[in-house]
Amino acid sequence: MDLLEDNNLTRIIRGNLESDKLHVCFGGGVGAFGRNFTVFYYNGATIWVDAGCGFPSHSLPGLLRTIPPKELLEAFPPDAIIFTHAHEDHVGALPYVYQHLGEKTPIYAGDFTLAIIKKRLRDCQIDLNYFEFVPLTKNSRFKVHDFEIHNFFMPHSIPQSFSVGINIARAGQKIFFSSDFKLQGSEKNYDRQAIQDFGPVDYLFCDSTGILTSGSSPDESLVVENLENIIKNWPGRIFLTTFASQIERLAEVGRLAKKYNRHLGIRGQSIVTHLEAALEARVLTESFWYGRKPDPEQKDVVWIISGCQADEGSSFQRFADEKLPPLKPEKGDLLIYSASVIPSNTDAVFNVLNKLSRIGVKIIGLADYDVRVHTSGHARVEDLKQYISWLRPKTLVPVHGDHIHFMKFHEILGENHGIDVKILDDNCIYSLESQANEIMRIPAIPQMIEEKEIHTEYSLYSYRLNLSVSGICNIVVREENKRLEQLQYIGTSSQEWLKKCTPELHKEISALLIKVCNSTENNRDRKLKQKISKINIGILGKNPYVNIIWI
């Protein structure tokens, strides 16, 4: 069926779903990292698990983030939304998709997650009264139509992350949907026995982020132990950068600074925002960061700086560029890189680190064989094996990753494990029966967020990439006589090479204009651009974007 031929896609989608079967659909989070968005649909009722955003790569210049496809949002307006935790790839889409929610749609989440969500909504000037916020506590249980929902708090790199249990008695299906998690940690609401008691399950949707790393994820206590040794013994200024959501680590740094009679300073609004949310949610009991403005020249200071991924304009980047007054890096300072480098940010992070190194700043934390000052919030291979043994699923569906991560489950489970590993695609609806059966594929692409606009025009980024590689060729042509009035190349080649090639380019393009414009060919401009591109490639060796201006 070609769904694109029908202008009522929602009606077609709903018409293909049997009301007595449980269905699932992803608008992200499978096949690629980020933009986590999962829809469960049964008997006319819909719940969303997370509504996150995706982040741009270098191949999408100018893109700020992506959000789930409009087609899925319109086909499955939620009766409730469950946010598993407050990372942007799980909650970041809400300010852009809330129009698809009915007024007072309940939003279930932990107190910390709700505090972050409310902050994001206020920043976007969205009325909080439009929503019904429902805080979840340890081992909560509630119903949304036929969905019986359970939550299970688990350790992660942010407070109050939880996984979701779904029981639909009428459908005879029991689901466990894992959030991002690890098995070791100090999450106070973590109840291993409750997770084990929920098993066995029909389907386990399992986080795959850490599956390529052997062993188990270290406990945060090891990081704190190493940080204590550093803070206790380093004679000069200490600068630490980490993820703003690492509340437990930030609090420990504050405690250690106080213990060893060091002043504490914080630069970066994102860290303050997360600390304030933790205070509001009672994850923290004291505002250890308020009223602390140390002298930037003091040696007995620990400075926490946000922006560990060296985003443009971040405090970390500005610090390295000596544009974060009054702070200025100096020889003899220590930088603790208490984070992991996200692959797409490698160049930016190491550019910042190298600037600091040239100044004479000592850097630790870039490798495990160095002093461990960071640990992942995701389960590794041995953790995943144990987790799967707790829940004893019939079918395991990998989520939060790409195909390489998903395929690894076959390897770690072995050949005779008796568990069906099913890899699902986004923008595809499945019925969850004894097997996951594909019902239909949806012709949808993620929505793209830029300053002041939301669009789905992927071709825009092809143009931008071409401009960044080959520049632009402006051609001004007089309409009455088809004469080439001006030929201009911007960002295409060196001035010396252009000077050498311009006479031949002018001659070839002038001849082409007369030939094509005097013919009876249709689509004149399109064909001119194609042929001018061939001339540019042949003479310049570049293929700039061709812009024809008629006067």
Protein backbone atom coordinates (compact mmCIF):
# COMPACT_ATOMS: atom_id res chain seq x y z
CA MET A 1 0.00 0.00 0.00
CA ASP A 2 1.37 3.43 -0.96
CA LEU A 3 0.44 5.51 2.05
CA LEU A 4 1.71 8.67 0.40
CA GLU A 5 -1.21 8.57 -2.03
CA ASP A 6 -3.75 8.97 0.77
CA ASN A 7 -4.13 12.34 2.45
CA ASN A 8 -5.49 10.82 5.64
CA LEU A 9 -2.51 8.88 6.90
CA THR A 10 -3.80 8.70 10.47
CA ARG A 11 -7.03 7.02 9.35
CA ILE A 12 -5.12 4.43 7.34
CA ILE A 13 -2.74 3.68 10.20
CA ARG A 14 -5.52 3.22 12.74
CA GLY A 15 -7.54 1.18 10.25
CA ASN A 16 -4.74 -1.37 10.00
CA LEU A 17 -4.43 -1.97 13.75
CA GLU A 18 -6.48 -4.70 15.44
CA SER A 19 -7.85 -3.39 18.73
CA ASP A 20 -7.22 -6.63 20.65
CA LYS A 21 -3.49 -6.67 19.89
CA LEU A 22 -0.71 -4.68 21.49
CA HIS A 23 1.28 -2.56 19.03
CA VAL A 24 4.60 -0.76 19.26
CA CYS A 25 6.23 1.85 17.05
CA PHE A 26 9.47 3.81 17.33
CA GLY A 27 10.07 7.36 16.17
CA GLY A 28 13.74 7.11 17.14
CA GLY A 29 16.04 5.25 19.50
CA VAL A 30 16.45 2.20 17.26
CA GLY A 31 19.03 2.07 14.48
CA ALA A 32 20.74 5.22 15.76
CA PHE A 33 21.46 6.90 19.08
CA GLY A 34 19.23 9.69 20.37
CA ARG A 35 15.67 10.88 19.72
CA ASN A 36 14.18 8.18 21.95
CA PHE A 37 10.45 7.93 21.31
CA THR A 38 8.37 4.78 21.74
CA VAL A 39 4.63 4.39 21.22
CA PHE A 40 2.56 1.57 22.73
CA TYR A 41 -1.00 1.27 21.41
CA TYR A 42 -3.77 -1.07 22.56
CA ASN A 43 -7.55 -1.00 22.18
CA GLY A 44 -7.68 2.69 21.24
CA ALA A 45 -5.32 3.86 24.01
CA THR A 46 -1.79 5.20 23.51
CA ILE A 47 1.13 5.76 25.83
CA TRP A 48 4.43 7.35 24.91
CA VAL A 49 7.62 6.29 26.62
CA ASP A 50 9.94 9.30 26.33
CA ALA A 51 9.94 12.03 23.70
CA GLY A 52 13.56 12.96 23.13
CA CYS A 53 15.55 14.88 20.60
CA GLY A 54 18.43 13.86 18.39
CA PHE A 55 21.58 15.87 17.92
CA PRO A 56 23.24 16.95 14.67
CA SER A 57 26.30 15.53 12.99
CA HIS A 58 28.79 17.38 10.82
CA SER A 59 26.81 16.20 7.78
CA LEU A 60 23.85 18.38 8.81
CA PRO A 61 25.27 21.93 9.09
CA GLY A 62 22.95 24.41 10.77
CA LEU A 63 20.72 21.76 12.34
CA LEU A 64 20.13 22.20 16.08
CA ARG A 65 18.30 18.95 16.81
CA THR A 66 15.78 16.46 15.45
CA ILE A 67 12.45 15.41 16.94
CA PRO A 68 10.07 12.51 16.21
CA PRO A 69 8.18 12.46 12.88
CA LYS A 70 5.00 14.47 12.65
CA GLU A 71 3.16 11.50 11.12
CA LEU A 72 3.58 9.40 14.27
CA LEU A 73 2.72 12.26 16.59
CA GLU A 74 -0.54 12.85 14.72
CA ALA A 75 -1.44 9.16 14.40
CA PHE A 76 -0.85 8.40 18.08
CA PRO A 77 -1.80 11.32 20.37
CA PRO A 78 -1.01 10.07 23.86
CA ASP A 79 -3.34 9.29 26.71
CA ALA A 80 -0.26 9.57 28.92
CA ILE A 81 3.48 10.16 28.60
CA ILE A 82 6.09 8.42 30.74
CA PHE A 83 9.49 10.09 30.91
CA THR A 84 12.11 7.68 32.20
CA HIS A 85 14.74 10.33 33.00
CA ALA A 86 15.79 13.88 32.23
CA HIS A 87 18.49 13.53 29.57
CA GLU A 88 17.73 15.58 26.46
CA ASP A 89 17.57 12.54 24.17
CA HIS A 90 14.62 11.37 26.30
CA VAL A 91 12.77 14.62 27.18
CA GLY A 92 14.07 17.26 24.75
CA ALA A 93 11.27 17.04 22.17
CA LEU A 94 8.42 17.95 24.52
CA PRO A 95 8.54 21.76 23.97
CA TYR A 96 8.24 21.13 20.21
CA VAL A 97 5.53 18.44 20.21
CA TYR A 98 3.22 19.47 23.04
CA GLN A 99 0.63 20.76 20.53
CA HIS A 100 -0.10 17.10 19.75
CA LEU A 101 -1.15 16.54 23.36
CA GLY A 102 -4.62 17.08 24.66
CA GLU A 103 -4.91 19.59 27.48
CA LYS A 104 -4.11 18.03 30.86
CA THR A 105 -2.49 14.95 29.33
CA PRO A 106 -0.77 13.31 32.33
CA ILE A 107 3.02 13.32 32.33
CA TYR A 108 4.53 10.70 34.63
CA ALA A 109 8.14 11.06 35.79
CA GLY A 110 10.37 11.30 38.84
CA ASP A 111 10.52 14.60 40.73
CA PHE A 112 13.94 15.51 39.32
CA THR A 113 12.86 14.78 35.74
CA LEU A 114 9.71 16.88 36.22
CA ALA A 115 11.79 19.78 37.57
CA ILE A 116 14.00 19.71 34.45
CA ILE A 117 10.98 19.41 32.13
CA LYS A 118 9.26 22.39 33.77
CA LYS A 119 12.43 24.45 33.42
CA ARG A 120 12.62 23.63 29.69
CA LEU A 121 8.94 24.49 29.18
CA ARG A 122 9.29 27.80 31.03
CA ASP A 123 12.34 28.66 28.92
CA CYS A 124 10.14 28.16 25.84
CA GLN A 125 7.36 30.28 27.41
CA ILE A 126 4.92 27.36 27.48
CA ASP A 127 2.17 27.47 30.11
CA LEU A 128 2.75 24.70 32.66
CA ASN A 129 -0.99 24.61 33.42
CA TYR A 130 -1.53 22.95 30.05
CA PHE A 131 -0.09 19.71 31.50
CA GLU A 132 -0.88 17.43 34.40
CA PHE A 133 2.40 16.48 36.07
CA VAL A 134 2.33 13.25 38.08
CA PRO A 135 5.43 12.51 40.20
CA LEU A 136 6.36 8.85 40.59
CA THR A 137 7.88 7.33 43.70
CA LYS A 138 9.55 4.00 44.35
CA ASN A 139 7.78 1.02 42.72
CA SER A 140 4.72 3.04 41.70
CA ARG A 141 1.83 1.32 39.99
CA PHE A 142 -0.94 3.03 38.01
CA LYS A 143 -3.34 2.38 35.12
CA VAL A 144 -3.86 4.11 31.79
CA HIS A 145 -6.94 2.40 30.31
CA ASP A 146 -5.86 -1.26 29.83
CA PHE A 147 -2.20 -0.49 30.51
CA GLU A 148 -1.06 -1.39 34.01
CA ILE A 149 2.19 0.52 34.49
CA HIS A 150 4.99 -0.16 36.97
CA ASN A 151 8.19 1.83 37.44
CA PHE A 152 11.55 0.55 38.67
CA PHE A 153 14.22 3.08 39.60
CA MET A 154 17.73 2.08 38.53
CA PRO A 155 21.21 3.64 38.71
CA HIS A 156 22.27 5.82 35.79
CA SER A 157 24.30 9.00 35.35
CA ILE A 158 21.37 11.21 36.33
CA PRO A 159 19.02 11.05 39.33
CA GLN A 160 15.76 9.11 39.39
CA SER A 161 16.05 7.20 36.12
CA PHE A 162 13.60 4.32 35.95
CA SER A 163 12.57 1.44 33.73
CA VAL A 164 8.94 0.70 32.89
CA GLY A 165 6.92 -2.46 33.36
CA ILE A 166 3.75 -2.81 31.30
CA ASN A 167 1.14 -5.47 31.95
CA ILE A 168 -1.91 -5.82 29.71
CA ALA A 169 -3.99 -8.68 31.07
CA ARG A 170 -6.52 -8.67 28.20
CA ALA A 171 -3.74 -8.95 25.62
CA GLY A 172 -1.83 -11.49 27.67
CA GLN A 173 1.37 -9.48 27.30
CA LYS A 174 3.94 -8.47 29.89
CA ILE A 175 6.57 -5.95 28.82
CA PHE A 176 9.69 -4.58 30.49
CA PHE A 177 11.05 -1.44 28.86
CA SER A 178 14.46 -0.49 30.16
CA SER A 179 15.59 3.05 30.42
CA ASP A 180 19.30 3.87 30.32
CA PHE A 181 20.69 2.00 33.33
CA LYS A 182 23.52 0.20 35.05
CA LEU A 183 23.40 -2.26 37.94
CA GLN A 184 25.88 -0.61 40.33
CA GLY A 185 25.07 2.74 41.88
CA SER A 186 23.61 4.65 44.78
CA GLU A 187 20.10 5.38 43.45
CA LYS A 188 18.17 5.24 46.73
CA ASN A 189 14.96 3.89 45.14
CA TYR A 190 16.75 1.02 43.37
CA ASP A 191 15.07 -2.32 44.20
CA ARG A 192 16.69 -5.29 42.47
CA GLN A 193 14.26 -7.75 43.96
CA ALA A 194 11.25 -5.87 42.58
CA ILE A 195 12.75 -6.09 39.07
CA GLN A 196 13.36 -9.83 39.43
CA ASP A 197 9.85 -10.35 40.80
CA PHE A 198 8.35 -8.67 37.70
CA GLY A 199 9.84 -11.37 35.48
CA PRO A 200 9.40 -13.50 33.50
CA VAL A 201 8.27 -11.20 30.69
CA ASP A 202 7.13 -11.69 27.13
CA TYR A 203 9.22 -8.81 25.79
CA LEU A 204 12.29 -7.08 27.18
CA PHE A 205 13.18 -3.83 25.44
CA CYS A 206 16.79 -3.54 26.50
CA ASP A 207 19.27 -0.64 26.50
CA SER A 208 22.21 -1.56 24.25
CA THR A 209 24.48 1.47 24.72
CA GLY A 210 27.19 -0.29 26.73
CA ILE A 211 27.09 -3.69 25.07
CA LEU A 212 30.37 -3.27 23.16
CA THR A 213 32.33 -2.98 26.43
CA SER A 214 33.24 -6.13 28.36
CA GLY A 215 32.91 -6.59 32.10
CA SER A 216 30.70 -4.51 34.39
CA SER A 217 30.30 -0.77 34.74
CA PRO A 218 32.33 0.48 37.73
CA ASP A 219 30.53 2.03 40.64
CA GLU A 220 30.64 5.80 41.07
CA SER A 221 32.32 5.26 44.45
CA LEU A 222 35.59 4.40 42.67
CA VAL A 223 35.46 7.76 40.86
CA VAL A 224 34.83 9.58 44.15
CA GLU A 225 37.77 7.80 45.79
CA ASN A 226 40.12 8.93 43.02
CA LEU A 227 38.75 12.48 43.05
CA GLU A 228 39.37 12.65 46.77
CA ASN A 229 43.04 11.72 46.35
CA ILE A 230 43.46 14.40 43.69
CA ILE A 231 41.65 17.18 45.56
CA LYS A 232 43.53 16.32 48.76
CA ASN A 233 47.00 16.36 47.22
CA TRP A 234 47.11 18.76 44.26
CA PRO A 235 48.93 21.95 45.32
CA GLY A 236 47.34 24.42 42.90
CA ARG A 237 44.06 25.29 41.24
CA ILE A 238 41.83 22.43 40.11
CA PHE A 239 39.36 22.67 37.23
CA LEU A 240 36.85 19.87 36.67
CA THR A 241 34.47 19.46 33.77
CA THR A 242 31.73 16.85 33.60
CA PHE A 243 28.17 16.36 32.37
CA ALA A 244 25.72 18.74 34.05
CA SER A 245 23.43 15.81 34.93
CA GLN A 246 26.10 14.10 37.09
CA ILE A 247 24.46 15.37 40.29
CA GLU A 248 25.99 12.74 42.59
CA ARG A 249 29.51 13.54 41.34
CA LEU A 250 28.99 17.29 41.56
CA ALA A 251 27.77 16.96 45.13
CA GLU A 252 30.78 14.83 46.03
CA VAL A 253 33.16 17.40 44.55
CA GLY A 254 31.46 20.03 46.71
CA ARG A 255 31.81 17.82 49.78
CA LEU A 256 35.47 17.07 49.09
CA ALA A 257 36.30 20.72 48.51
CA LYS A 258 34.83 21.54 51.91
CA LYS A 259 36.58 18.59 53.57
CA TYR A 260 40.00 19.71 52.38
CA ASN A 261 39.43 23.41 53.01
CA ARG A 262 39.18 24.39 49.37
CA HIS A 263 36.89 27.04 47.99
CA LEU A 264 34.38 25.98 45.32
CA GLY A 265 33.43 27.87 42.18
CA ILE A 266 31.02 27.00 39.35
CA ARG A 267 30.94 28.43 35.85
CA GLY A 268 28.15 27.39 33.49
CA GLN A 269 24.37 27.80 33.65
CA SER A 270 23.58 24.20 32.68
CA ILE A 271 25.25 22.87 35.84
CA VAL A 272 23.43 25.40 38.03
CA THR A 273 20.12 24.46 36.36
CA HIS A 274 20.59 20.78 37.14
CA LEU A 275 21.71 21.46 40.71
CA GLU A 276 18.67 23.65 41.32
CA ALA A 277 16.41 20.90 39.94
CA ALA A 278 18.08 18.41 42.29
CA LEU A 279 17.43 20.75 45.21
CA GLU A 280 13.78 21.21 44.19
CA ALA A 281 13.35 17.43 43.89
CA ARG A 282 15.06 16.87 47.26
CA VAL A 283 17.81 14.83 45.63
CA LEU A 284 20.14 17.34 47.31
CA THR A 285 19.49 18.68 50.77
CA GLU A 286 21.74 21.74 50.65
CA SER A 287 22.69 24.36 48.10
CA PHE A 288 26.46 23.94 48.52
CA TRP A 289 27.15 26.08 45.45
CA TYR A 290 25.31 29.28 46.45
CA GLY A 291 27.17 32.39 47.55
CA ARG A 292 30.57 31.08 46.47
CA LYS A 293 32.62 33.40 44.30
CA PRO A 294 36.26 32.62 44.94
CA ASP A 295 39.09 34.89 43.91
CA PRO A 296 40.15 33.56 40.48
CA GLU A 297 43.82 33.82 41.48
CA GLN A 298 43.44 31.69 44.62
CA LYS A 299 45.27 28.37 44.48
CA ASP A 300 43.05 26.52 46.98
CA VAL A 301 39.99 26.45 44.70
CA VAL A 302 38.12 23.72 42.84
CA TRP A 303 36.34 25.16 39.80
CA ILE A 304 33.55 23.16 38.14
CA ILE A 305 33.12 24.19 34.49
CA SER A 306 30.22 23.12 32.27
CA GLY A 307 30.41 22.18 28.60
CA CYS A 308 32.57 19.06 28.73
CA GLN A 309 31.75 18.31 25.07
CA ALA A 310 33.26 21.66 24.00
CA ASP A 311 30.07 22.91 22.36
CA GLU A 312 30.38 26.25 20.61
CA GLY A 313 30.13 29.00 23.22
CA SER A 314 30.31 26.63 26.20
CA SER A 315 32.16 27.65 29.35
CA PHE A 316 34.75 24.92 28.76
CA GLN A 317 35.53 26.16 25.26
CA ARG A 318 35.64 29.80 26.35
CA PHE A 319 37.93 28.91 29.25
CA ALA A 320 40.47 27.36 26.87
CA ASP A 321 40.20 30.42 24.60
CA GLU A 322 40.80 32.69 27.63
CA LYS A 323 37.36 34.24 27.12
CA LEU A 324 35.80 33.31 30.46
CA PRO A 325 36.77 36.30 32.61
CA PRO A 326 38.00 36.57 35.22
CA LEU A 327 39.17 32.94 34.95
CA LYS A 328 42.26 32.31 32.89
CA PRO A 329 44.13 28.99 32.54
CA GLU A 330 47.72 29.05 33.75
CA LYS A 331 50.73 26.78 33.80
CA GLY A 332 50.51 24.56 36.87
CA ASP A 333 46.72 24.26 36.85
CA LEU A 334 45.08 20.82 36.83
CA LEU A 335 42.13 19.89 34.60
CA ILE A 336 40.13 16.81 35.55
CA TYR A 337 38.24 15.63 32.47
CA SER A 338 35.52 13.76 34.36
CA ALA A 339 33.48 12.72 31.32
CA SER A 340 33.52 10.59 28.19
CA VAL A 341 33.97 12.11 24.76
CA ILE A 342 30.92 11.65 22.53
CA PRO A 343 32.35 10.48 19.17
CA SER A 344 30.83 13.31 17.11
CA ASN A 345 32.50 15.82 19.45
CA THR A 346 36.00 14.32 19.41
CA ASP A 347 37.61 17.05 17.30
CA ALA A 348 36.09 19.89 19.33
CA VAL A 349 37.01 18.35 22.70
CA PHE A 350 40.61 17.60 21.77
CA ASN A 351 41.01 21.03 20.23
CA VAL A 352 40.12 22.53 23.62
CA LEU A 353 42.29 20.07 25.55
CA ASN A 354 45.30 20.76 23.34
CA LYS A 355 44.95 24.50 23.86
CA LEU A 356 45.03 23.96 27.61
CA SER A 357 47.95 21.55 27.34
CA ARG A 358 50.01 24.09 25.38
CA ILE A 359 49.44 26.63 28.15
CA GLY A 360 50.87 24.13 30.64
CA VAL A 361 47.69 22.79 32.23
CA LYS A 362 48.03 19.16 33.38
CA ILE A 363 45.13 17.01 32.12
CA ILE A 364 43.97 13.74 33.60
CA GLY A 365 41.01 11.52 32.86
CA LEU A 366 41.30 10.76 29.15
CA ALA A 367 41.81 7.00 29.56
CA ASP A 368 41.03 4.28 32.09
CA TYR A 369 44.72 3.47 32.53
CA ASP A 370 45.07 7.05 33.77
CA VAL A 371 43.34 7.76 37.08
CA ARG A 372 39.67 6.80 36.66
CA VAL A 373 37.65 9.97 37.15
CA HIS A 374 34.57 8.97 35.16
CA THR A 375 32.36 5.94 34.80
CA SER A 376 29.59 5.26 32.31
CA GLY A 377 25.94 5.28 33.24
CA HIS A 378 25.25 2.28 31.00
CA ALA A 379 25.32 -1.45 31.64
CA ARG A 380 28.17 -3.42 30.08
CA VAL A 381 28.22 -7.03 28.90
CA GLU A 382 28.23 -8.82 32.28
CA ASP A 383 25.61 -6.41 33.64
CA LEU A 384 23.36 -7.09 30.67
CA LYS A 385 23.67 -10.86 31.08
CA GLN A 386 22.64 -10.58 34.72
CA TYR A 387 19.79 -8.19 33.92
CA ILE A 388 18.42 -10.52 31.25
CA SER A 389 18.60 -13.45 33.69
CA TRP A 390 16.48 -11.47 36.16
CA LEU A 391 13.69 -10.79 33.66
CA ARG A 392 13.79 -14.08 31.68
CA PRO A 393 12.22 -12.71 28.48
CA LYS A 394 10.82 -14.78 25.64
CA THR A 395 11.80 -12.02 23.19
CA LEU A 396 14.50 -9.38 23.58
CA VAL A 397 14.26 -6.16 21.55
CA PRO A 398 17.44 -4.01 21.66
CA VAL A 399 16.88 -0.25 21.94
CA HIS A 400 19.00 2.90 22.40
CA GLY A 401 21.60 2.07 19.80
CA ASP A 402 22.54 1.19 16.24
CA HIS A 403 22.59 -2.11 14.35
CA ILE A 404 26.14 -2.99 15.45
CA HIS A 405 25.11 -2.71 19.10
CA PHE A 406 21.89 -4.63 18.49
CA MET A 407 23.61 -7.58 16.79
CA LYS A 408 25.96 -7.98 19.76
CA PHE A 409 23.08 -9.47 21.79
CA HIS A 410 23.25 -12.63 19.65
CA GLU A 411 26.89 -13.02 20.63
CA ILE A 412 26.59 -12.42 24.37
CA LEU A 413 23.55 -14.70 24.72
CA GLY A 414 25.05 -17.61 22.79
CA GLU A 415 23.30 -20.08 20.51
CA ASN A 416 21.19 -22.03 23.00
CA HIS A 417 19.80 -19.25 25.16
CA GLY A 418 16.17 -19.81 24.11
CA ILE A 419 15.54 -16.06 23.74
CA ASP A 420 14.40 -14.63 20.42
CA VAL A 421 16.41 -11.48 19.68
CA LYS A 422 14.26 -9.28 17.46
CA ILE A 423 15.70 -6.16 15.82
CA LEU A 424 12.99 -3.61 15.03
CA ASP A 425 13.09 -0.51 12.82
CA ASP A 426 11.82 2.98 13.47
CA ASN A 427 8.75 4.33 11.65
CA CYS A 428 7.36 0.80 11.46
CA ILE A 429 4.37 -0.55 13.42
CA TYR A 430 4.60 -4.02 14.95
CA SER A 431 2.04 -6.17 16.72
CA LEU A 432 3.46 -7.85 19.80
CA GLU A 433 2.14 -11.39 19.87
CA SER A 434 4.14 -14.60 20.31
CA GLN A 435 6.39 -12.88 17.78
CA ALA A 436 6.79 -9.24 16.79
CA ASN A 437 4.99 -8.99 13.45
CA GLU A 438 5.44 -6.06 11.12
CA ILE A 439 2.10 -4.47 10.29
CA MET A 440 3.09 -1.49 8.18
CA ARG A 441 5.87 0.98 7.45
CA ILE A 442 5.19 4.69 7.77
CA PRO A 443 6.62 7.11 5.18
CA ALA A 444 8.02 9.48 7.78
CA ILE A 445 11.26 11.30 8.52
CA PRO A 446 12.30 13.14 11.67
CA GLN A 447 11.43 16.79 12.00
CA MET A 448 14.43 19.12 11.99
CA ILE A 449 14.78 22.05 14.36
CA GLU A 450 16.62 25.22 13.39
CA GLU A 451 16.38 28.74 14.72
CA LYS A 452 12.72 29.78 14.42
CA GLU A 453 11.68 26.92 12.13
CA ILE A 454 10.79 23.23 12.07
CA HIS A 455 11.05 21.45 8.72
CA THR A 456 11.60 18.09 7.00
CA GLU A 457 13.65 19.28 4.02
CA TYR A 458 16.72 17.03 4.15
CA SER A 459 17.92 18.28 0.75
CA LEU A 460 18.72 21.61 2.44
CA TYR A 461 21.74 20.02 4.10
CA SER A 462 23.03 18.63 0.82
CA TYR A 463 23.10 22.17 -0.54
CA ARG A 464 24.86 23.45 2.56
CA LEU A 465 27.45 20.70 2.45
CA ASN A 466 28.11 21.38 -1.21
CA LEU A 467 28.51 25.09 -0.45
CA SER A 468 30.96 24.32 2.35
CA VAL A 469 33.06 22.08 0.09
CA SER A 470 32.88 23.82 -3.30
CA GLY A 471 31.42 27.28 -2.72
CA ILE A 472 29.05 29.08 -5.08
CA CYS A 473 29.15 30.13 -8.73
CA ASN A 474 27.09 33.26 -9.45
CA ILE A 475 26.22 33.82 -13.10
CA VAL A 476 24.52 37.07 -14.16
CA VAL A 477 22.88 36.86 -17.61
CA ARG A 478 21.12 39.58 -19.58
CA GLU A 479 17.74 38.23 -20.67
CA GLU A 480 17.40 40.15 -23.95
CA ASN A 481 20.61 38.94 -25.61
CA LYS A 482 21.64 36.00 -23.34
CA ARG A 483 24.95 37.71 -22.71
CA LEU A 484 27.07 36.68 -19.73
CA GLU A 485 27.40 39.92 -17.73
CA GLN A 486 29.22 38.62 -14.67
CA LEU A 487 30.87 35.38 -13.55
CA GLN A 488 31.71 35.16 -9.84
CA TYR A 489 33.10 32.31 -7.74
CA ILE A 490 32.92 32.51 -3.93
CA GLY A 491 34.77 30.02 -1.74
CA THR A 492 35.48 27.73 -4.66
CA SER A 493 39.23 27.89 -5.36
CA SER A 494 42.27 30.03 -4.62
CA GLN A 495 42.43 33.44 -6.29
CA GLU A 496 45.50 32.38 -8.25
CA TRP A 497 43.75 29.33 -9.70
CA LEU A 498 40.58 31.29 -10.49
CA LYS A 499 42.60 33.98 -12.28
CA LYS A 500 44.18 31.32 -14.46
CA CYS A 501 40.91 29.51 -15.24
CA THR A 502 38.47 32.43 -15.60
CA PRO A 503 39.10 33.24 -19.30
CA GLU A 504 38.34 29.65 -20.34
CA LEU A 505 35.33 29.45 -17.98
CA HIS A 506 33.94 32.71 -19.37
CA LYS A 507 34.36 31.50 -22.94
CA GLU A 508 32.75 28.06 -22.35
CA ILE A 509 29.80 29.37 -20.31
CA SER A 510 29.11 32.21 -22.76
CA ALA A 511 28.94 29.73 -25.64
CA LEU A 512 26.68 27.44 -23.63
CA LEU A 513 24.26 30.27 -22.84
CA ILE A 514 23.78 31.10 -26.50
CA LYS A 515 23.36 27.44 -27.45
CA VAL A 516 20.88 26.45 -24.75
CA CYS A 517 18.87 29.66 -24.63
CA ASN A 518 18.33 29.68 -28.41
CA SER A 519 17.10 26.09 -28.39
CA THR A 520 13.54 24.93 -27.73
CA GLU A 521 14.50 22.91 -24.65
CA ASN A 522 12.19 22.95 -21.64
CA ASN A 523 13.48 23.43 -18.08
CA ARG A 524 16.04 25.93 -19.30
CA ASP A 525 17.55 26.84 -15.92
CA ARG A 526 17.83 23.26 -14.70
CA LYS A 527 19.63 22.15 -17.84
CA LEU A 528 21.87 25.21 -17.79
CA LYS A 529 22.92 24.45 -14.23
CA GLN A 530 23.70 20.82 -15.08
CA LYS A 531 25.86 21.78 -18.05
CA ILE A 532 27.61 24.64 -16.23
CA SER A 533 28.44 22.18 -13.44
CA LYS A 534 30.16 19.92 -15.99
CA ILE A 535 32.18 22.90 -17.26
CA ASN A 536 33.21 23.84 -13.71
CA ILE A 537 34.28 20.29 -12.92
CA GLY A 538 36.23 19.99 -16.15
CA ILE A 539 38.14 23.28 -15.80
CA LEU A 540 38.25 24.04 -12.05
CA GLY A 541 38.03 20.53 -10.69
CA LYS A 542 35.25 21.74 -8.37
CA ASN A 543 31.47 21.61 -8.49
CA PRO A 544 30.17 24.78 -6.82
CA TYR A 545 26.47 25.51 -6.43
CA VAL A 546 25.35 27.30 -9.59
CA ASN A 547 23.16 30.36 -9.07
CA ILE A 548 21.81 31.96 -12.29
CA ILE A 549 20.54 35.54 -12.05
CA TRP A 550 18.60 36.95 -15.04
CA ILE A 551 18.53 40.72 -15.50
